[in-house]
Amino acid sequence: MLSINNFRLKTDDAELLEVSNLEIKSSEKHLVLGNNNTGKSLFLKSIHGLNSNFDGEILIKEKPPIFYKRKKKTILIETSPHLLWEEDVWKNIILPLPKVTSRQKQKIMELCKTAELFNDLKTKPGKLSYSSQKFIELIRAVIQLPYLILLDDLDCYFDEINLSKALEICDFALNAGTSILATSKIGLEKFENIYRIQSKVLKKL
């Protein structure tokens, strides 16, 4: 589904990251470990089509990232929340959906219960905790069933208990064929494929 070959991430004066090969199939979870300033955030932006300053090849279902970014088939969740602060939780979740089916409504309710947001659906996100805001973004992402969800610095969003809930929410999309690529500064459980950025090179553990 996602294929990366001979990838070299560059800034104006230096090479940040090298990825010789990375293959992610449908319904797989992959985790990239790296400290700050290792290029992991820019790596995700490159996959999402927001950065083109690299050498090599990134293909999603055999097409370049920008093709699926326009179709909203890849979703990037960054460290800073991207929400409509004047709208309530429910509106923020359903915003990308052209029409909310009864099945989607039922699933959103279930996911909100998992995230302990069920009683806050009419609340504006600015009144909620940071982790609750990230749950809103995560539910909004998985309910769209994209090809790929990119989670930047996942360890910053949730504590251990909430991380378990977040991965349970991700299962809804994973079971439908969505793949997940997350970055973190620390190791996290329940990821089948783990990599570490060492000496500017992505290495599988």
N, C-alpha and C. Protein backbone atom coordinates (compact mmCIF):
# COMPACT_ATOMS: atom_id res chain seq x y z
N MET A 1 0.84 -1.20 0.00
CA MET A 1 0.00 0.00 0.00
C MET A 1 0.88 1.26 0.00
N LEU A 2 1.77 1.38 1.03
CA LEU A 2 2.76 2.46 1.05
C LEU A 2 4.13 1.87 0.74
N SER A 3 4.80 2.45 -0.24
CA SER A 3 6.12 1.97 -0.64
C SER A 3 7.08 3.15 -0.71
N ILE A 4 8.18 3.07 0.04
CA ILE A 4 9.19 4.12 0.06
C ILE A 4 10.53 3.50 -0.31
N ASN A 5 11.21 4.10 -1.28
CA ASN A 5 12.49 3.55 -1.75
C ASN A 5 13.51 4.66 -1.97
N ASN A 6 14.73 4.41 -1.49
CA ASN A 6 15.87 5.31 -1.69
C ASN A 6 15.53 6.75 -1.30
N PHE A 7 14.84 6.89 -0.17
CA PHE A 7 14.36 8.19 0.30
C PHE A 7 15.47 8.91 1.06
N ARG A 8 15.70 10.17 0.72
CA ARG A 8 16.66 11.01 1.45
C ARG A 8 16.00 12.35 1.72
N LEU A 9 15.81 12.63 2.99
CA LEU A 9 15.16 13.87 3.42
C LEU A 9 16.23 14.93 3.64
N LYS A 10 16.03 16.10 3.02
CA LYS A 10 17.06 17.13 3.05
C LYS A 10 16.49 18.45 3.58
N THR A 11 17.38 19.23 4.20
CA THR A 11 17.12 20.64 4.43
C THR A 11 18.06 21.41 3.50
N ASP A 12 18.09 22.73 3.64
CA ASP A 12 18.92 23.52 2.73
C ASP A 12 20.40 23.19 2.85
N ASP A 13 20.83 22.79 4.05
CA ASP A 13 22.27 22.59 4.25
C ASP A 13 22.66 21.21 4.78
N ALA A 14 21.70 20.29 4.88
CA ALA A 14 22.07 18.98 5.45
C ALA A 14 21.06 17.92 5.04
N GLU A 15 21.51 16.66 5.13
CA GLU A 15 20.62 15.53 4.94
C GLU A 15 20.15 15.06 6.31
N LEU A 16 18.83 14.95 6.50
CA LEU A 16 18.27 14.61 7.81
C LEU A 16 18.06 13.12 8.01
N LEU A 17 17.54 12.46 6.99
CA LEU A 17 17.08 11.09 7.18
C LEU A 17 17.19 10.31 5.88
N GLU A 18 17.63 9.06 6.02
CA GLU A 18 17.70 8.17 4.87
C GLU A 18 16.85 6.92 5.13
N VAL A 19 16.01 6.58 4.18
CA VAL A 19 15.18 5.37 4.26
C VAL A 19 15.40 4.59 2.98
N SER A 20 16.12 3.48 3.07
CA SER A 20 16.41 2.72 1.86
C SER A 20 15.15 2.03 1.33
N ASN A 21 14.36 1.46 2.26
CA ASN A 21 13.12 0.79 1.85
C ASN A 21 12.16 0.68 3.02
N LEU A 22 10.91 1.01 2.79
CA LEU A 22 9.85 0.84 3.79
C LEU A 22 8.58 0.44 3.06
N GLU A 23 8.02 -0.68 3.44
CA GLU A 23 6.79 -1.18 2.84
C GLU A 23 5.74 -1.37 3.93
N ILE A 24 4.58 -0.75 3.75
CA ILE A 24 3.48 -0.90 4.70
C ILE A 24 2.27 -1.43 3.94
N LYS A 25 1.76 -2.55 4.37
CA LYS A 25 0.59 -3.15 3.74
C LYS A 25 -0.69 -2.65 4.41
N SER A 26 -1.82 -2.93 3.80
CA SER A 26 -3.11 -2.54 4.36
C SER A 26 -3.30 -3.19 5.73
N SER A 27 -3.89 -2.44 6.64
CA SER A 27 -4.24 -2.90 8.00
C SER A 27 -3.03 -3.13 8.90
N GLU A 28 -1.89 -2.53 8.57
CA GLU A 28 -0.70 -2.67 9.41
C GLU A 28 -0.45 -1.41 10.22
N LYS A 29 0.14 -1.60 11.43
CA LYS A 29 0.56 -0.49 12.28
C LYS A 29 2.09 -0.48 12.34
N HIS A 30 2.69 0.65 12.02
CA HIS A 30 4.14 0.80 12.07
C HIS A 30 4.50 1.99 12.95
N LEU A 31 5.61 1.87 13.68
CA LEU A 31 6.05 2.91 14.60
C LEU A 31 7.50 3.28 14.31
N VAL A 32 7.76 4.59 14.20
CA VAL A 32 9.12 5.10 14.01
C VAL A 32 9.55 5.82 15.27
N LEU A 33 10.65 5.39 15.87
CA LEU A 33 11.19 6.00 17.07
C LEU A 33 12.30 6.97 16.69
N GLY A 34 12.30 8.14 17.34
CA GLY A 34 13.36 9.11 17.07
C GLY A 34 13.24 10.30 17.99
N ASN A 35 14.37 10.91 18.30
CA ASN A 35 14.38 12.10 19.13
C ASN A 35 13.93 13.31 18.32
N ASN A 36 13.84 14.46 18.99
CA ASN A 36 13.55 15.69 18.27
C ASN A 36 14.68 15.98 17.29
N ASN A 37 14.33 16.67 16.21
CA ASN A 37 15.30 17.10 15.20
C ASN A 37 15.94 15.94 14.43
N THR A 38 15.25 14.80 14.39
CA THR A 38 15.74 13.68 13.58
C THR A 38 15.03 13.61 12.23
N GLY A 39 14.07 14.50 12.01
CA GLY A 39 13.38 14.53 10.72
C GLY A 39 12.12 13.70 10.66
N LYS A 40 11.70 13.13 11.81
CA LYS A 40 10.55 12.22 11.75
C LYS A 40 9.25 12.95 11.41
N SER A 41 9.09 14.18 11.89
CA SER A 41 7.87 14.94 11.56
C SER A 41 7.85 15.32 10.08
N LEU A 42 8.99 15.75 9.57
CA LEU A 42 9.08 16.11 8.16
C LEU A 42 8.93 14.88 7.27
N PHE A 43 9.34 13.73 7.78
CA PHE A 43 9.15 12.46 7.08
C PHE A 43 7.66 12.19 6.86
N LEU A 44 6.85 12.37 7.92
CA LEU A 44 5.41 12.16 7.78
C LEU A 44 4.79 13.19 6.84
N LYS A 45 5.26 14.43 6.90
CA LYS A 45 4.74 15.46 5.99
C LYS A 45 5.07 15.12 4.54
N SER A 46 6.23 14.51 4.32
CA SER A 46 6.59 14.09 2.97
C SER A 46 5.64 13.02 2.46
N ILE A 47 5.31 12.07 3.33
CA ILE A 47 4.38 11.00 2.95
C ILE A 47 2.99 11.57 2.68
N HIS A 48 2.63 12.63 3.43
CA HIS A 48 1.30 13.24 3.29
C HIS A 48 1.22 14.19 2.10
N GLY A 49 2.36 14.51 1.50
CA GLY A 49 2.36 15.41 0.36
C GLY A 49 2.55 16.87 0.71
N LEU A 50 2.98 17.16 1.95
CA LEU A 50 3.19 18.54 2.38
C LEU A 50 4.64 18.99 2.24
N ASN A 51 5.53 18.07 1.95
CA ASN A 51 6.94 18.41 1.77
C ASN A 51 7.48 17.67 0.55
N SER A 52 8.15 18.41 -0.31
CA SER A 52 8.71 17.79 -1.52
C SER A 52 10.23 17.90 -1.58
N ASN A 53 10.84 18.36 -0.51
CA ASN A 53 12.29 18.55 -0.50
C ASN A 53 13.00 17.26 -0.10
N PHE A 54 12.91 16.28 -0.96
CA PHE A 54 13.56 14.99 -0.71
C PHE A 54 13.91 14.32 -2.04
N ASP A 55 14.82 13.37 -1.96
CA ASP A 55 15.12 12.52 -3.10
C ASP A 55 14.50 11.15 -2.86
N GLY A 56 14.28 10.41 -3.92
CA GLY A 56 13.73 9.07 -3.78
C GLY A 56 12.27 9.00 -4.16
N GLU A 57 11.65 7.90 -3.79
CA GLU A 57 10.29 7.61 -4.25
C GLU A 57 9.37 7.27 -3.09
N ILE A 58 8.21 7.94 -3.07
CA ILE A 58 7.13 7.60 -2.15
C ILE A 58 5.90 7.31 -3.00
N LEU A 59 5.33 6.13 -2.84
CA LEU A 59 4.13 5.77 -3.58
C LEU A 59 3.08 5.22 -2.62
N ILE A 60 1.86 5.67 -2.78
CA ILE A 60 0.72 5.15 -2.03
C ILE A 60 -0.23 4.53 -3.06
N LYS A 61 -0.39 3.22 -2.98
CA LYS A 61 -1.16 2.52 -4.01
C LYS A 61 -0.69 2.91 -5.41
N GLU A 62 0.64 2.96 -5.55
CA GLU A 62 1.33 3.18 -6.82
C GLU A 62 1.14 4.58 -7.39
N LYS A 63 0.71 5.53 -6.55
CA LYS A 63 0.58 6.92 -6.98
C LYS A 63 1.31 7.83 -5.99
N PRO A 64 1.74 9.03 -6.41
CA PRO A 64 2.45 9.94 -5.52
C PRO A 64 1.54 10.46 -4.40
N PRO A 65 2.13 10.87 -3.27
CA PRO A 65 1.33 11.28 -2.10
C PRO A 65 0.32 12.38 -2.38
N ILE A 66 0.68 13.36 -3.21
CA ILE A 66 -0.21 14.49 -3.43
C ILE A 66 -1.54 14.05 -4.03
N PHE A 67 -1.55 12.95 -4.78
CA PHE A 67 -2.77 12.44 -5.39
C PHE A 67 -3.79 12.08 -4.32
N TYR A 68 -3.34 11.41 -3.26
CA TYR A 68 -4.27 10.97 -2.22
C TYR A 68 -4.52 12.04 -1.17
N LYS A 69 -3.59 12.99 -1.03
CA LYS A 69 -3.84 14.11 -0.14
C LYS A 69 -5.05 14.90 -0.64
N ARG A 70 -5.10 15.13 -1.94
CA ARG A 70 -6.22 15.88 -2.53
C ARG A 70 -7.54 15.13 -2.35
N LYS A 71 -7.47 13.82 -2.39
CA LYS A 71 -8.67 13.00 -2.22
C LYS A 71 -8.98 12.70 -0.75
N LYS A 72 -8.14 13.24 0.14
CA LYS A 72 -8.28 13.06 1.59
C LYS A 72 -8.26 11.58 1.97
N LYS A 73 -7.41 10.83 1.28
CA LYS A 73 -7.24 9.41 1.59
C LYS A 73 -6.02 9.17 2.47
N THR A 74 -5.24 10.22 2.74
CA THR A 74 -4.22 10.17 3.79
C THR A 74 -4.54 11.29 4.76
N ILE A 75 -4.38 11.01 6.05
CA ILE A 75 -4.69 11.99 7.09
C ILE A 75 -3.50 12.09 8.02
N LEU A 76 -3.03 13.32 8.23
CA LEU A 76 -1.92 13.59 9.14
C LEU A 76 -2.44 14.26 10.40
N ILE A 77 -2.14 13.67 11.55
CA ILE A 77 -2.48 14.28 12.84
C ILE A 77 -1.17 14.76 13.47
N GLU A 78 -1.04 16.07 13.59
CA GLU A 78 0.17 16.68 14.12
C GLU A 78 0.04 16.93 15.62
N THR A 79 1.13 17.42 16.22
CA THR A 79 1.13 17.64 17.67
C THR A 79 0.13 18.71 18.06
N SER A 80 0.05 19.79 17.30
CA SER A 80 -0.91 20.86 17.60
C SER A 80 -2.29 20.47 17.07
N PRO A 81 -3.33 20.60 17.90
CA PRO A 81 -4.68 20.24 17.45
C PRO A 81 -5.17 21.15 16.32
N HIS A 82 -5.82 20.57 15.34
CA HIS A 82 -6.44 21.33 14.26
C HIS A 82 -7.95 21.10 14.35
N LEU A 83 -8.61 22.02 15.03
CA LEU A 83 -10.04 21.89 15.31
C LEU A 83 -10.75 23.21 15.05
N LEU A 84 -12.07 23.14 14.88
CA LEU A 84 -12.90 24.34 14.81
C LEU A 84 -13.31 24.68 16.24
N TRP A 85 -12.68 25.70 16.79
CA TRP A 85 -12.84 25.97 18.22
C TRP A 85 -14.22 26.53 18.58
N GLU A 86 -14.91 27.09 17.61
CA GLU A 86 -16.24 27.65 17.89
C GLU A 86 -17.35 26.63 17.66
N GLU A 87 -17.00 25.45 17.18
CA GLU A 87 -17.98 24.38 16.98
C GLU A 87 -17.84 23.34 18.09
N ASP A 88 -18.90 22.53 18.27
CA ASP A 88 -18.84 21.53 19.33
C ASP A 88 -18.10 20.27 18.86
N VAL A 89 -17.94 19.35 19.78
CA VAL A 89 -17.19 18.12 19.50
C VAL A 89 -17.82 17.36 18.34
N TRP A 90 -19.14 17.21 18.36
CA TRP A 90 -19.82 16.45 17.32
C TRP A 90 -19.56 17.04 15.93
N LYS A 91 -19.69 18.35 15.80
CA LYS A 91 -19.47 19.02 14.51
C LYS A 91 -18.03 18.82 14.05
N ASN A 92 -17.09 18.89 14.97
CA ASN A 92 -15.69 18.68 14.60
C ASN A 92 -15.44 17.28 14.07
N ILE A 93 -16.12 16.30 14.63
CA ILE A 93 -15.91 14.92 14.19
C ILE A 93 -16.52 14.66 12.82
N ILE A 94 -17.72 15.15 12.59
CA ILE A 94 -18.43 14.82 11.34
C ILE A 94 -18.10 15.78 10.20
N LEU A 95 -17.31 16.80 10.47
CA LEU A 95 -17.04 17.85 9.48
C LEU A 95 -16.64 17.32 8.10
N PRO A 96 -15.74 16.33 7.98
CA PRO A 96 -15.33 15.89 6.64
C PRO A 96 -16.33 15.00 5.93
N LEU A 97 -17.34 14.52 6.64
CA LEU A 97 -18.27 13.56 6.05
C LEU A 97 -19.34 14.29 5.24
N PRO A 98 -19.51 13.94 3.97
CA PRO A 98 -20.55 14.60 3.16
C PRO A 98 -21.95 14.32 3.69
N LYS A 99 -22.14 13.15 4.26
CA LYS A 99 -23.42 12.76 4.85
C LYS A 99 -23.14 11.75 5.95
N VAL A 100 -23.81 11.90 7.08
CA VAL A 100 -23.61 10.99 8.20
C VAL A 100 -24.68 9.91 8.15
N THR A 101 -24.27 8.69 7.85
CA THR A 101 -25.21 7.58 7.81
C THR A 101 -25.53 7.12 9.23
N SER A 102 -26.59 6.36 9.37
CA SER A 102 -26.95 5.84 10.69
C SER A 102 -25.86 4.94 11.24
N ARG A 103 -25.21 4.18 10.36
CA ARG A 103 -24.12 3.31 10.79
C ARG A 103 -22.93 4.14 11.29
N GLN A 104 -22.60 5.22 10.57
CA GLN A 104 -21.51 6.08 11.00
C GLN A 104 -21.84 6.75 12.33
N LYS A 105 -23.08 7.20 12.48
CA LYS A 105 -23.48 7.84 13.73
C LYS A 105 -23.33 6.88 14.90
N GLN A 106 -23.77 5.65 14.72
CA GLN A 106 -23.66 4.65 15.77
C GLN A 106 -22.19 4.38 16.11
N LYS A 107 -21.35 4.27 15.09
CA LYS A 107 -19.93 4.00 15.32
C LYS A 107 -19.25 5.18 16.01
N ILE A 108 -19.59 6.40 15.60
CA ILE A 108 -19.03 7.58 16.26
C ILE A 108 -19.39 7.59 17.74
N MET A 109 -20.63 7.27 18.05
CA MET A 109 -21.06 7.19 19.45
C MET A 109 -20.23 6.17 20.22
N GLU A 110 -20.00 5.02 19.62
CA GLU A 110 -19.21 3.97 20.28
C GLU A 110 -17.78 4.45 20.52
N LEU A 111 -17.19 5.08 19.52
CA LEU A 111 -15.82 5.56 19.65
C LEU A 111 -15.72 6.67 20.68
N CYS A 112 -16.73 7.53 20.74
CA CYS A 112 -16.74 8.60 21.74
C CYS A 112 -16.87 8.04 23.15
N LYS A 113 -17.60 6.95 23.30
CA LYS A 113 -17.68 6.30 24.61
C LYS A 113 -16.32 5.75 25.01
N THR A 114 -15.63 5.15 24.06
CA THR A 114 -14.28 4.63 24.34
C THR A 114 -13.35 5.76 24.78
N ALA A 115 -13.47 6.92 24.13
CA ALA A 115 -12.62 8.07 24.43
C ALA A 115 -13.14 8.91 25.59
N GLU A 116 -14.26 8.49 26.19
CA GLU A 116 -14.91 9.24 27.28
C GLU A 116 -15.28 10.65 26.83
N LEU A 117 -15.77 10.74 25.60
CA LEU A 117 -16.25 12.01 25.05
C LEU A 117 -17.77 12.04 24.88
N PHE A 118 -18.42 10.94 25.23
CA PHE A 118 -19.85 10.80 24.94
C PHE A 118 -20.67 11.91 25.60
N ASN A 119 -20.28 12.33 26.79
CA ASN A 119 -21.03 13.38 27.50
C ASN A 119 -20.58 14.79 27.12
N ASP A 120 -19.63 14.88 26.19
CA ASP A 120 -19.10 16.19 25.80
C ASP A 120 -19.37 16.51 24.33
N LEU A 121 -20.30 15.83 23.71
CA LEU A 121 -20.53 16.01 22.28
C LEU A 121 -21.00 17.42 21.93
N LYS A 122 -21.64 18.11 22.87
CA LYS A 122 -22.11 19.47 22.64
C LYS A 122 -21.15 20.52 23.21
N THR A 123 -20.01 20.07 23.69
CA THR A 123 -19.02 20.96 24.29
C THR A 123 -18.02 21.44 23.23
N LYS A 124 -17.59 22.69 23.36
CA LYS A 124 -16.56 23.18 22.46
C LYS A 124 -15.21 22.62 22.88
N PRO A 125 -14.36 22.22 21.93
CA PRO A 125 -13.12 21.52 22.26
C PRO A 125 -12.15 22.32 23.11
N GLY A 126 -12.23 23.64 23.06
CA GLY A 126 -11.33 24.46 23.86
C GLY A 126 -11.52 24.28 25.36
N LYS A 127 -12.67 23.75 25.75
CA LYS A 127 -12.95 23.51 27.17
C LYS A 127 -12.48 22.14 27.64
N LEU A 128 -11.94 21.35 26.72
CA LEU A 128 -11.52 19.99 27.04
C LEU A 128 -10.01 19.90 27.16
N SER A 129 -9.54 18.80 27.70
CA SER A 129 -8.10 18.58 27.86
C SER A 129 -7.43 18.35 26.51
N TYR A 130 -6.12 18.46 26.51
CA TYR A 130 -5.35 18.23 25.28
C TYR A 130 -5.58 16.82 24.75
N SER A 131 -5.57 15.83 25.63
CA SER A 131 -5.77 14.44 25.18
C SER A 131 -7.17 14.27 24.59
N SER A 132 -8.18 14.93 25.16
CA SER A 132 -9.53 14.86 24.60
C SER A 132 -9.58 15.49 23.21
N GLN A 133 -8.86 16.59 23.03
CA GLN A 133 -8.80 17.23 21.71
C GLN A 133 -8.16 16.30 20.68
N LYS A 134 -7.14 15.56 21.11
CA LYS A 134 -6.49 14.62 20.18
C LYS A 134 -7.41 13.43 19.89
N PHE A 135 -8.22 13.02 20.87
CA PHE A 135 -9.21 11.97 20.61
C PHE A 135 -10.21 12.43 19.55
N ILE A 136 -10.61 13.69 19.60
CA ILE A 136 -11.53 14.22 18.59
C ILE A 136 -10.92 14.07 17.20
N GLU A 137 -9.67 14.48 17.07
CA GLU A 137 -8.99 14.36 15.77
C GLU A 137 -8.85 12.91 15.33
N LEU A 138 -8.56 12.04 16.28
CA LEU A 138 -8.38 10.63 15.95
C LEU A 138 -9.68 10.00 15.48
N ILE A 139 -10.78 10.27 16.19
CA ILE A 139 -12.08 9.72 15.79
C ILE A 139 -12.48 10.28 14.43
N ARG A 140 -12.25 11.57 14.22
CA ARG A 140 -12.55 12.19 12.92
C ARG A 140 -11.76 11.51 11.80
N ALA A 141 -10.53 11.11 12.11
CA ALA A 141 -9.70 10.45 11.09
C ALA A 141 -10.19 9.04 10.80
N VAL A 142 -10.40 8.24 11.83
CA VAL A 142 -10.73 6.83 11.59
C VAL A 142 -12.11 6.66 10.97
N ILE A 143 -13.05 7.56 11.28
CA ILE A 143 -14.40 7.41 10.75
C ILE A 143 -14.43 7.63 9.23
N GLN A 144 -13.38 8.29 8.70
CA GLN A 144 -13.30 8.50 7.25
C GLN A 144 -12.75 7.28 6.51
N LEU A 145 -12.17 6.33 7.26
CA LEU A 145 -11.58 5.12 6.68
C LEU A 145 -10.62 5.46 5.53
N PRO A 146 -9.60 6.27 5.80
CA PRO A 146 -8.63 6.60 4.75
C PRO A 146 -7.70 5.42 4.47
N TYR A 147 -6.86 5.56 3.47
CA TYR A 147 -5.86 4.53 3.21
C TYR A 147 -4.79 4.53 4.29
N LEU A 148 -4.45 5.73 4.77
CA LEU A 148 -3.30 5.87 5.67
C LEU A 148 -3.55 6.98 6.68
N ILE A 149 -3.29 6.68 7.96
CA ILE A 149 -3.31 7.69 9.02
C ILE A 149 -1.90 7.85 9.55
N LEU A 150 -1.42 9.09 9.58
CA LEU A 150 -0.08 9.42 10.06
C LEU A 150 -0.21 10.15 11.39
N LEU A 151 0.42 9.63 12.43
CA LEU A 151 0.31 10.18 13.78
C LEU A 151 1.68 10.67 14.23
N ASP A 152 1.86 11.97 14.33
CA ASP A 152 3.16 12.53 14.68
C ASP A 152 3.31 12.68 16.20
N ASP A 153 4.42 12.16 16.75
CA ASP A 153 4.71 12.24 18.19
C ASP A 153 3.54 11.71 19.02
N LEU A 154 3.15 10.49 18.75
CA LEU A 154 1.99 9.89 19.42
C LEU A 154 2.16 9.85 20.93
N ASP A 155 3.38 9.72 21.42
CA ASP A 155 3.62 9.65 22.86
C ASP A 155 3.29 10.96 23.57
N CYS A 156 3.19 12.06 22.82
CA CYS A 156 2.86 13.35 23.44
C CYS A 156 1.36 13.51 23.69
N TYR A 157 0.53 12.72 23.00
CA TYR A 157 -0.92 12.91 23.07
C TYR A 157 -1.52 12.29 24.33
N PHE A 158 -1.08 11.09 24.66
CA PHE A 158 -1.82 10.26 25.62
C PHE A 158 -0.90 9.64 26.66
N ASP A 159 -1.46 9.44 27.86
CA ASP A 159 -0.77 8.61 28.85
C ASP A 159 -1.00 7.15 28.50
N GLU A 160 -0.49 6.25 29.32
CA GLU A 160 -0.57 4.82 29.00
C GLU A 160 -2.00 4.33 28.86
N ILE A 161 -2.89 4.79 29.75
CA ILE A 161 -4.29 4.35 29.71
C ILE A 161 -4.98 4.88 28.45
N ASN A 162 -4.80 6.17 28.18
CA ASN A 162 -5.45 6.75 27.00
C ASN A 162 -4.85 6.24 25.70
N LEU A 163 -3.57 5.87 25.73
CA LEU A 163 -2.96 5.30 24.53
C LEU A 163 -3.63 3.98 24.17
N SER A 164 -3.93 3.18 25.19
CA SER A 164 -4.63 1.92 24.94
C SER A 164 -6.00 2.17 24.31
N LYS A 165 -6.70 3.20 24.79
CA LYS A 165 -8.00 3.56 24.21
C LYS A 165 -7.84 4.04 22.77
N ALA A 166 -6.78 4.83 22.53
CA ALA A 166 -6.55 5.36 21.19
C ALA A 166 -6.30 4.24 20.19
N LEU A 167 -5.52 3.25 20.59
CA LEU A 167 -5.25 2.14 19.68
C LEU A 167 -6.49 1.28 19.46
N GLU A 168 -7.35 1.22 20.48
CA GLU A 168 -8.63 0.52 20.30
C GLU A 168 -9.50 1.25 19.27
N ILE A 169 -9.47 2.59 19.31
CA ILE A 169 -10.21 3.38 18.33
C ILE A 169 -9.63 3.16 16.93
N CYS A 170 -8.31 3.08 16.84
CA CYS A 170 -7.65 2.84 15.55
C CYS A 170 -8.05 1.50 14.94
N ASP A 171 -8.38 0.54 15.80
CA ASP A 171 -8.74 -0.80 15.31
C ASP A 171 -9.93 -0.75 14.34
N PHE A 172 -10.84 0.21 14.56
CA PHE A 172 -11.99 0.33 13.66
C PHE A 172 -11.53 0.54 12.22
N ALA A 173 -10.57 1.46 12.04
CA ALA A 173 -10.06 1.73 10.69
C ALA A 173 -9.14 0.62 10.20
N LEU A 174 -8.32 0.09 11.10
CA LEU A 174 -7.40 -0.99 10.72
C LEU A 174 -8.17 -2.19 10.18
N ASN A 175 -9.27 -2.52 10.83
CA ASN A 175 -10.07 -3.67 10.40
C ASN A 175 -10.72 -3.45 9.03
N ALA A 176 -10.79 -2.18 8.61
CA ALA A 176 -11.37 -1.87 7.29
C ALA A 176 -10.29 -1.66 6.23
N GLY A 177 -9.02 -1.87 6.60
CA GLY A 177 -7.95 -1.77 5.61
C GLY A 177 -7.04 -0.57 5.73
N THR A 178 -7.36 0.36 6.64
CA THR A 178 -6.50 1.53 6.85
C THR A 178 -5.17 1.09 7.47
N SER A 179 -4.09 1.73 7.07
CA SER A 179 -2.78 1.50 7.67
C SER A 179 -2.42 2.70 8.54
N ILE A 180 -1.57 2.47 9.54
CA ILE A 180 -1.18 3.52 10.47
C ILE A 180 0.33 3.58 10.58
N LEU A 181 0.87 4.78 10.45
CA LEU A 181 2.29 5.03 10.67
C LEU A 181 2.41 6.14 11.71
N ALA A 182 3.01 5.82 12.85
CA ALA A 182 3.14 6.77 13.95
C ALA A 182 4.61 7.02 14.25
N THR A 183 4.89 8.19 14.83
CA THR A 183 6.23 8.47 15.34
C THR A 183 6.14 8.68 16.84
N SER A 184 7.25 8.46 17.51
CA SER A 184 7.29 8.59 18.97
C SER A 184 8.74 8.74 19.41
N LYS A 185 8.94 9.34 20.57
CA LYS A 185 10.28 9.41 21.14
C LYS A 185 10.58 8.21 22.01
N ILE A 186 9.53 7.48 22.41
CA ILE A 186 9.71 6.30 23.27
C ILE A 186 9.00 5.10 22.66
N GLY A 187 9.41 3.91 23.05
CA GLY A 187 8.77 2.70 22.56
C GLY A 187 7.35 2.57 23.05
N LEU A 188 6.45 2.10 22.21
CA LEU A 188 5.04 1.92 22.56
C LEU A 188 4.64 0.49 22.24
N GLU A 189 3.75 -0.05 23.07
CA GLU A 189 3.30 -1.42 22.85
C GLU A 189 2.26 -1.49 21.72
N LYS A 190 2.00 -2.70 21.28
CA LYS A 190 0.94 -3.01 20.31
C LYS A 190 1.22 -2.53 18.89
N PHE A 191 2.50 -2.29 18.59
CA PHE A 191 2.90 -2.02 17.20
C PHE A 191 3.69 -3.21 16.70
N GLU A 192 3.26 -3.76 15.57
CA GLU A 192 3.89 -4.97 15.05
C GLU A 192 5.25 -4.69 14.41
N ASN A 193 5.41 -3.51 13.87
CA ASN A 193 6.63 -3.16 13.14
C ASN A 193 7.20 -1.87 13.72
N ILE A 194 8.44 -1.94 14.21
CA ILE A 194 9.05 -0.80 14.89
C ILE A 194 10.40 -0.50 14.26
N TYR A 195 10.66 0.79 14.08
CA TYR A 195 11.91 1.26 13.49
C TYR A 195 12.50 2.33 14.41
N ARG A 196 13.80 2.55 14.28
CA ARG A 196 14.46 3.63 15.01
C ARG A 196 15.34 4.41 14.05
N ILE A 197 15.33 5.75 14.23
CA ILE A 197 16.23 6.59 13.47
C ILE A 197 17.57 6.64 14.21
N GLN A 198 18.59 6.05 13.61
CA GLN A 198 19.93 5.99 14.20
C GLN A 198 20.94 6.51 13.19
N SER A 199 21.70 7.52 13.61
CA SER A 199 22.72 8.11 12.74
C SER A 199 22.13 8.50 11.38
N LYS A 200 20.94 9.11 11.43
CA LYS A 200 20.23 9.64 10.26
C LYS A 200 19.71 8.56 9.31
N VAL A 201 19.67 7.32 9.79
CA VAL A 201 19.18 6.22 8.96
C VAL A 201 18.04 5.50 9.68
N LEU A 202 16.96 5.19 8.96
CA LEU A 202 15.85 4.44 9.54
C LEU A 202 16.18 2.95 9.52
N LYS A 203 16.20 2.35 10.73
CA LYS A 203 16.56 0.94 10.86
C LYS A 203 15.45 0.17 11.54
N LYS A 204 15.11 -0.98 11.01
CA LYS A 204 14.07 -1.83 11.59
C LYS A 204 14.61 -2.55 12.81
N LEU A 205 13.82 -2.57 13.89
CA LEU A 205 14.24 -3.24 15.12
C LEU A 205 13.75 -4.68 15.11
